[in-house]
C-alpha atoms as a PDB file:
ATOM      1  CA  MET A   1      36.254 -16.910 -23.762  1.00  0.00           C
ATOM      2  CA  SER A   2      36.825 -13.176 -24.286  1.00  0.00           C
ATOM      3  CA  SER A   3      37.421 -10.771 -21.439  1.00  0.00           C
ATOM      4  CA  ALA A   4      34.030  -9.202 -22.174  1.00  0.00           C
ATOM      5  CA  ALA A   5      32.393 -12.605 -21.848  1.00  0.00           C
ATOM      6  CA  HIS A   6      34.245 -13.197 -18.596  1.00  0.00           C
ATOM      7  CA  GLN A   7      32.950  -9.845 -17.348  1.00  0.00           C
ATOM      8  CA  VAL A   8      29.351 -10.689 -18.229  1.00  0.00           C
ATOM      9  CA  SER A   9      29.717 -14.086 -16.575  1.00  0.00           C
ATOM     10  CA  ASP A  10      31.177 -12.528 -13.420  1.00  0.00           C
ATOM     11  CA  GLU A  11      28.381  -9.940 -13.258  1.00  0.00           C
ATOM     12  CA  ALA A  12      25.754 -12.650 -13.638  1.00  0.00           C
ATOM     13  CA  ALA A  13      27.391 -14.645 -10.878  1.00  0.00           C
ATOM     14  CA  VAL A  14      27.153 -11.637  -8.593  1.00  0.00           C
ATOM     15  CA  GLU A  15      23.567 -10.679  -9.477  1.00  0.00           C
ATOM     16  CA  HIS A  16      22.050 -14.156  -9.619  1.00  0.00           C
ATOM     17  CA  PRO A  17      22.363 -15.036  -5.907  1.00  0.00           C
ATOM     18  CA  THR A  18      20.851 -11.671  -5.000  1.00  0.00           C
ATOM     19  CA  SER A  19      17.838 -12.263  -7.236  1.00  0.00           C
ATOM     20  CA  LEU A  20      17.427 -15.757  -5.796  1.00  0.00           C
ATOM     21  CA  ARG A  21      17.558 -14.377  -2.264  1.00  0.00           C
ATOM     22  CA  GLU A  22      14.931 -11.769  -3.092  1.00  0.00           C
ATOM     23  CA  LEU A  23      12.735 -14.394  -4.745  1.00  0.00           C
ATOM     24  CA  LYS A  24      13.025 -16.718  -1.769  1.00  0.00           C
ATOM     25  CA  LYS A  25      12.264 -13.846   0.604  1.00  0.00           C
ATOM     26  CA  SER A  26       9.166 -12.916  -1.388  1.00  0.00           C
ATOM     27  CA  GLN A  27       7.973 -16.523  -1.521  1.00  0.00           C
ATOM     28  CA  THR A  28       8.487 -16.997   2.209  1.00  0.00           C
ATOM     29  CA  ARG A  29       6.617 -13.815   2.964  1.00  0.00           C
ATOM     30  CA  GLN A  30       3.711 -14.807   0.725  1.00  0.00           C
ATOM     31  CA  ARG A  31       3.467 -18.267   2.290  1.00  0.00           C
ATOM     32  CA  LEU A  32       3.233 -16.686   5.723  1.00  0.00           C
ATOM     33  CA  VAL A  33       0.561 -14.253   4.517  1.00  0.00           C
ATOM     34  CA  ASP A  34      -1.507 -16.987   2.881  1.00  0.00           C
ATOM     35  CA  ALA A  35      -1.273 -19.237   5.926  1.00  0.00           C
ATOM     36  CA  ALA A  36      -2.211 -16.430   8.292  1.00  0.00           C
ATOM     37  CA  LEU A  37      -5.201 -15.177   6.318  1.00  0.00           C
ATOM     38  CA  ARG A  38      -6.599 -18.674   5.820  1.00  0.00           C
ATOM     39  CA  LEU A  39      -6.256 -19.389   9.528  1.00  0.00           C
ATOM     40  CA  PHE A  40      -7.881 -16.064  10.430  1.00  0.00           C
ATOM     41  CA  ALA A  41     -10.818 -16.906   8.163  1.00  0.00           C
ATOM     42  CA  ALA A  42     -11.174 -20.456   9.468  1.00  0.00           C
ATOM     43  CA  GLN A  43     -10.850 -19.954  13.203  1.00  0.00           C
ATOM     44  CA  GLY A  44     -10.738 -16.235  13.945  1.00  0.00           C
ATOM     45  CA  TYR A  45      -7.986 -13.675  14.325  1.00  0.00           C
ATOM     46  CA  ALA A  46      -7.717 -13.748  18.120  1.00  0.00           C
ATOM     47  CA  GLN A  47      -7.695 -17.550  18.174  1.00  0.00           C
ATOM     48  CA  THR A  48      -4.755 -17.768  15.760  1.00  0.00           C
ATOM     49  CA  SER A  49      -1.250 -17.547  17.195  1.00  0.00           C
ATOM     50  CA  VAL A  50       1.965 -16.555  15.479  1.00  0.00           C
ATOM     51  CA  GLU A  51       3.304 -20.002  16.280  1.00  0.00           C
ATOM     52  CA  GLU A  52       0.408 -21.613  14.440  1.00  0.00           C
ATOM     53  CA  ILE A  53       0.864 -19.337  11.423  1.00  0.00           C
ATOM     54  CA  ALA A  54       4.558 -20.180  11.206  1.00  0.00           C
ATOM     55  CA  ARG A  55       3.919 -23.896  11.657  1.00  0.00           C
ATOM     56  CA  THR A  56       1.220 -23.932   8.966  1.00  0.00           C
ATOM     57  CA  ALA A  57       3.549 -22.160   6.537  1.00  0.00           C
ATOM     58  CA  GLN A  58       6.303 -24.644   7.528  1.00  0.00           C
ATOM     59  CA  PHE A  59       8.606 -22.050   9.049  1.00  0.00           C
ATOM     60  CA  GLY A  60       9.813 -21.179  12.511  1.00  0.00           C
ATOM     61  CA  VAL A  61       8.541 -18.294  14.619  1.00  0.00           C
ATOM     62  CA  THR A  62      11.842 -16.479  14.102  1.00  0.00           C
ATOM     63  CA  THR A  63      11.179 -16.450  10.361  1.00  0.00           C
ATOM     64  CA  PHE A  64       7.749 -14.925  10.937  1.00  0.00           C
ATOM     65  CA  PHE A  65       9.147 -12.058  12.999  1.00  0.00           C
ATOM     66  CA  ARG A  66      11.905 -11.513  10.460  1.00  0.00           C
ATOM     67  CA  HIS A  67       9.181 -10.545   7.985  1.00  0.00           C
ATOM     68  CA  PHE A  68       6.458  -9.082  10.226  1.00  0.00           C
ATOM     69  CA  PRO A  69       6.943  -7.120  13.469  1.00  0.00           C
ATOM     70  CA  THR A  70       3.473  -8.080  14.742  1.00  0.00           C
ATOM     71  CA  LYS A  71       0.593 -10.376  13.842  1.00  0.00           C
ATOM     72  CA  GLU A  72      -1.416  -7.337  12.728  1.00  0.00           C
ATOM     73  CA  ASP A  73       1.160  -6.464  10.075  1.00  0.00           C
ATOM     74  CA  VAL A  74       0.362  -9.608   8.081  1.00  0.00           C
ATOM     75  CA  ALA A  75      -2.876  -7.937   6.989  1.00  0.00           C
ATOM     76  CA  PHE A  76      -0.905  -4.998   5.546  1.00  0.00           C
ATOM     77  CA  HIS A  77       1.934  -6.937   3.941  1.00  0.00           C
ATOM     78  CA  ASP A  78       1.931  -4.944   0.675  1.00  0.00           C
ATOM     79  CA  GLN A  79       1.355  -1.417   1.954  1.00  0.00           C
ATOM     80  CA  SER A  80       4.976  -0.355   2.478  1.00  0.00           C
ATOM     81  CA  ASP A  81       5.894  -1.451  -1.045  1.00  0.00           C
ATOM     82  CA  MET A  82       3.044   0.585  -2.521  1.00  0.00           C
ATOM     83  CA  MET A  83       4.049   3.616  -0.479  1.00  0.00           C
ATOM     84  CA  ARG A  84       7.574   3.363  -1.858  1.00  0.00           C
ATOM     85  CA  GLU A  85       6.265   2.992  -5.404  1.00  0.00           C
ATOM     86  CA  MET A  86       3.916   5.974  -5.463  1.00  0.00           C
ATOM     87  CA  PRO A  87       6.590   8.722  -5.833  1.00  0.00           C
ATOM     88  CA  LYS A  88       7.902   6.960  -8.966  1.00  0.00           C
ATOM     89  CA  ALA A  89       4.586   7.558 -10.728  1.00  0.00           C
ATOM     90  CA  LEU A  90       5.248  11.303 -10.714  1.00  0.00           C
ATOM     91  CA  THR A  91       8.587  11.160 -12.503  1.00  0.00           C
ATOM     92  CA  GLY A  92       8.574  13.676 -15.342  1.00  0.00           C
ATOM     93  CA  LYS A  93       5.066  14.953 -14.592  1.00  0.00           C
ATOM     94  CA  SER A  94       4.182  18.621 -14.955  1.00  0.00           C
ATOM     95  CA  PRO A  95       2.419  20.473 -12.094  1.00  0.00           C
ATOM     96  CA  ASP A  96      -0.921  20.111 -13.916  1.00  0.00           C
ATOM     97  CA  GLU A  97      -0.473  16.341 -13.962  1.00  0.00           C
ATOM     98  CA  ILE A  98       0.452  15.881 -10.303  1.00  0.00           C
ATOM     99  CA  TRP A  99      -2.984  15.604  -8.713  1.00  0.00           C
ATOM    100  CA  PRO A 100      -4.537  13.410 -11.453  1.00  0.00           C
ATOM    101  CA  THR A 101      -1.508  11.124 -11.366  1.00  0.00           C
ATOM    102  CA  VAL A 102      -1.636  10.719  -7.586  1.00  0.00           C
ATOM    103  CA  ARG A 103      -5.403  10.186  -7.703  1.00  0.00           C
ATOM    104  CA  ASP A 104      -5.204   7.625 -10.520  1.00  0.00           C
ATOM    105  CA  THR A 105      -2.333   5.794  -8.832  1.00  0.00           C
ATOM    106  CA  MET A 106      -4.399   5.389  -5.675  1.00  0.00           C
ATOM    107  CA  LEU A 107      -7.440   4.300  -7.686  1.00  0.00           C
ATOM    108  CA  GLY A 108      -5.199   1.779  -9.422  1.00  0.00           C
ATOM    109  CA  TYR A 109      -4.258   0.326  -6.042  1.00  0.00           C
ATOM    110  CA  LEU A 110      -7.942   0.060  -5.166  1.00  0.00           C
ATOM    111  CA  GLN A 111      -8.661  -1.612  -8.513  1.00  0.00           C
ATOM    112  CA  ALA A 112      -5.922  -4.184  -7.896  1.00  0.00           C
ATOM    113  CA  PHE A 113      -7.333  -4.827  -4.429  1.00  0.00           C
ATOM    114  CA  GLN A 114     -10.796  -5.291  -5.905  1.00  0.00           C
ATOM    115  CA  ASP A 115      -9.572  -7.589  -8.683  1.00  0.00           C
ATOM    116  CA  SER A 116      -7.747 -10.003  -6.394  1.00  0.00           C
ATOM    117  CA  GLU A 117      -8.366 -13.542  -7.638  1.00  0.00           C
ATOM    118  CA  THR A 118      -7.430 -15.368  -4.434  1.00  0.00           C
ATOM    119  CA  GLY A 119     -10.260 -14.097  -2.250  1.00  0.00           C
ATOM    120  CA  LEU A 120      -7.750 -13.428   0.516  1.00  0.00           C
ATOM    121  CA  ASP A 121      -8.184  -9.682   0.148  1.00  0.00           C
ATOM    122  CA  GLN A 122     -11.794 -10.075   1.248  1.00  0.00           C
ATOM    123  CA  ILE A 123     -10.454 -11.577   4.456  1.00  0.00           C
ATOM    124  CA  ARG A 124      -8.071  -8.632   4.839  1.00  0.00           C
ATOM    125  CA  ARG A 125     -10.872  -6.122   4.301  1.00  0.00           C
ATOM    126  CA  THR A 126     -12.969  -7.748   7.003  1.00  0.00           C
ATOM    127  CA  LEU A 127     -10.011  -7.711   9.391  1.00  0.00           C
ATOM    128  CA  TRP A 128      -9.277  -4.045   8.651  1.00  0.00           C
ATOM    129  CA  LEU A 129     -12.841  -2.987   9.380  1.00  0.00           C
ATOM    130  CA  GLN A 130     -14.013  -5.385  12.089  1.00  0.00           C
ATOM    131  CA  GLU A 131     -11.119  -6.826  14.092  1.00  0.00           C
ATOM    132  CA  PRO A 132     -10.223  -4.272  16.829  1.00  0.00           C
ATOM    133  CA  ALA A 133      -6.477  -4.913  16.915  1.00  0.00           C
ATOM    134  CA  VAL A 134      -6.208  -4.810  13.119  1.00  0.00           C
ATOM    135  CA  THR A 135      -8.513  -1.791  12.894  1.00  0.00           C
ATOM    136  CA  ARG A 136      -6.149   0.187  15.118  1.00  0.00           C
ATOM    137  CA  ARG A 137      -3.257  -0.766  12.864  1.00  0.00           C
ATOM    138  CA  TYR A 138      -5.384   0.166   9.845  1.00  0.00           C
ATOM    139  CA  ALA A 139      -5.814   3.682  11.234  1.00  0.00           C
ATOM    140  CA  GLU A 140      -2.037   3.965  11.648  1.00  0.00           C
ATOM    141  CA  ILE A 141      -1.460   2.749   8.089  1.00  0.00           C
ATOM    142  CA  CYS A 142      -3.934   5.333   6.776  1.00  0.00           C
ATOM    143  CA  LEU A 143      -2.052   8.104   8.576  1.00  0.00           C
ATOM    144  CA  ARG A 144       1.171   6.851   7.002  1.00  0.00           C
ATOM    145  CA  TRP A 145      -0.536   6.965   3.613  1.00  0.00           C
ATOM    146  CA  GLU A 146      -1.634  10.545   4.244  1.00  0.00           C
ATOM    147  CA  ASN A 147       1.956  11.547   4.971  1.00  0.00           C
ATOM    148  CA  VAL A 148       3.235   9.773   1.863  1.00  0.00           C
ATOM    149  CA  VAL A 149       0.638  11.356  -0.410  1.00  0.00           C
ATOM    150  CA  ALA A 150       1.109  14.802   1.149  1.00  0.00           C
ATOM    151  CA  ASN A 151       4.862  14.645   0.614  1.00  0.00           C
ATOM    152  CA  VAL A 152       4.467  13.386  -2.952  1.00  0.00           C
ATOM    153  CA  LEU A 153       2.077  16.236  -3.771  1.00  0.00           C
ATOM    154  CA  ALA A 154       4.302  18.795  -2.073  1.00  0.00           C
ATOM    155  CA  ASP A 155       7.399  17.611  -3.924  1.00  0.00           C
ATOM    156  CA  GLY A 156       5.621  17.494  -7.271  1.00  0.00           C
ATOM    157  CA  LEU A 157       4.152  20.969  -6.882  1.00  0.00           C
ATOM    158  CA  GLY A 158       7.153  22.573  -5.217  1.00  0.00           C
ATOM    159  CA  LEU A 159       5.185  23.363  -2.057  1.00  0.00           C
ATOM    160  CA  ASP A 160       6.224  23.411   1.585  1.00  0.00           C
ATOM    161  CA  PRO A 161       3.701  21.129   3.354  1.00  0.00           C
ATOM    162  CA  ASP A 162       4.397  22.888   6.657  1.00  0.00           C
ATOM    163  CA  ARG A 163       3.363  26.267   5.227  1.00  0.00           C
ATOM    164  CA  GLU A 164       0.835  25.396   2.522  1.00  0.00           C
ATOM    165  CA  PRO A 165      -2.164  23.301   3.662  1.00  0.00           C
ATOM    166  CA  TYR A 166      -3.076  21.949   0.219  1.00  0.00           C
ATOM    167  CA  PRO A 167      -0.861  18.795   0.226  1.00  0.00           C
ATOM    168  CA  ARG A 168      -2.094  17.541   3.580  1.00  0.00           C
ATOM    169  CA  MET A 169      -5.706  18.469   2.853  1.00  0.00           C
ATOM    170  CA  ALA A 170      -5.665  16.743  -0.547  1.00  0.00           C
ATOM    171  CA  ALA A 171      -3.950  13.684   0.934  1.00  0.00           C
ATOM    172  CA  ALA A 172      -6.510  13.458   3.738  1.00  0.00           C
ATOM    173  CA  VAL A 173      -9.393  13.682   1.239  1.00  0.00           C
ATOM    174  CA  LEU A 174      -7.887  11.010  -1.006  1.00  0.00           C
ATOM    175  CA  ILE A 175      -7.269   8.535   1.813  1.00  0.00           C
ATOM    176  CA  ALA A 176     -10.630   9.277   3.438  1.00  0.00           C
ATOM    177  CA  SER A 177     -12.340   8.592   0.101  1.00  0.00           C
ATOM    178  CA  ALA A 178     -10.566   5.241  -0.158  1.00  0.00           C
ATOM    179  CA  ARG A 179     -11.577   4.355   3.402  1.00  0.00           C
ATOM    180  CA  ALA A 180     -15.203   5.368   2.856  1.00  0.00           C
ATOM    181  CA  ALA A 181     -15.336   3.377  -0.387  1.00  0.00           C
ATOM    182  CA  LEU A 182     -13.862   0.320   1.329  1.00  0.00           C
ATOM    183  CA  TRP A 183     -16.412   0.490   4.121  1.00  0.00           C
ATOM    184  CA  HIS A 184     -19.333   0.981   1.714  1.00  0.00           C
ATOM    185  CA  GLN A 185     -18.255  -1.967  -0.404  1.00  0.00           C
ATOM    186  CA  HIS A 186     -17.869  -4.080   2.713  1.00  0.00           C
ATOM    187  CA  ARG A 187     -21.426  -3.272   3.761  1.00  0.00           C
ATOM    188  CA  TYR A 188     -23.218  -3.272   0.415  1.00  0.00           C
ATOM    189  CA  GLY A 189     -20.990  -4.917  -2.207  1.00  0.00           C
ATOM    190  CA  GLY A 190     -20.499  -3.218  -5.560  1.00  0.00           C
ATOM    191  CA  SER A 191     -17.441  -1.583  -7.051  1.00  0.00           C
ATOM    192  CA  LEU A 192     -14.796  -0.250  -4.689  1.00  0.00           C
ATOM    193  CA  VAL A 193     -13.368   2.013  -7.396  1.00  0.00           C
ATOM    194  CA  GLU A 194     -16.763   3.450  -8.345  1.00  0.00           C
ATOM    195  CA  TYR A 195     -17.465   4.285  -4.709  1.00  0.00           C
ATOM    196  CA  ALA A 196     -14.080   6.008  -4.463  1.00  0.00           C
ATOM    197  CA  HIS A 197     -14.862   8.032  -7.593  1.00  0.00           C
ATOM    198  CA  HIS A 198     -18.190   9.112  -6.090  1.00  0.00           C
ATOM    199  CA  CYS A 199     -16.492  10.176  -2.866  1.00  0.00           C
ATOM    200  CA  LEU A 200     -13.811  12.156  -4.687  1.00  0.00           C
ATOM    201  CA  ALA A 201     -16.345  13.858  -6.959  1.00  0.00           C
ATOM    202  CA  VAL A 202     -17.613  15.874  -4.000  1.00  0.00           C
ATOM    203  CA  LEU A 203     -14.352  17.824  -3.603  1.00  0.00           C
ATOM    204  CA  GLU A 204     -12.329  17.038  -6.721  1.00  0.00           C
ATOM    205  CA  PRO A 205     -12.971  20.366  -8.526  1.00  0.00           C
ATOM    206  CA  SER A 206     -11.111  22.165  -5.755  1.00  0.00           C
ATOM    207  CA  LEU A 207      -8.386  19.550  -5.403  1.00  0.00           C
ATOM    208  CA  ALA A 208      -7.670  19.597  -9.129  1.00  0.00           C
ATOM    209  CA  GLN A 209      -6.532  23.245  -8.891  1.00  0.00           C
ATOM    210  CA  PRO A 210      -3.649  23.225  -6.404  1.00  0.00           C
ATOM    211  CA  PRO A 211      -1.802  26.424  -5.481  1.00  0.00           C
ATOM    212  CA  LEU A 212       1.412  27.232  -7.300  1.00  0.00           C
ATOM    213  CA  SER A 213       4.830  27.045  -5.694  1.00  0.00           C
ATOM    214  CA  GLY A 214       5.424  30.201  -3.692  1.00  0.00           C
ATOM    215  CA  ALA A 215       1.737  31.022  -3.311  1.00  0.00           C
ATOM    216  CA  SER A 216       1.987  30.821   0.456  1.00  0.00           C
ATOM    217  CA  ASP A 217       4.602  33.583   0.395  1.00  0.00           C
ATOM    218  CA  ARG A 218       2.300  36.104  -1.226  1.00  0.00           C
END
């Protein structure tokens, strides 16, 4: 075997265990999520303990808390990953493309939520909007989303979010539109994404024309 082949083999040996660990971590996390949401739907959120979730997923309680700080966090298992992904969507975008890219990325998240084939996202939606403990966590998650979106907009447009109100205002409108759409769909059915579009249409003409970098200095 050539030295180059040895090098490739050594690199694979290093990378393979890492990928297996990540895969196992993802599978464990998903099993805990599935077990929790099915138990919440069957017997109620308050009546379901962490111990029961872990036991149903065939893990120990320690494993549960290794993946989720609290029981409430199970209902938001994918939110941190999406928050980390959003800034990547703006790579190479011009200032004129920043707002539409951020808007379309968020609408894409809503579309994926709506298109879930497992039905478990319907359970999550009900928890977010009706279960008091989860609703409080939902409000905190929405504030985190506002900060993420505001910072992404500010970075993409070269604005200082502490001096120029546009990033925080636009972020608040975007997240509020998603929340209003989610609530309306929960009450009346229909398309989550269409509701979000209707909500955004009220203020989008203004949001689509952000200030330029340095405007707050003039």
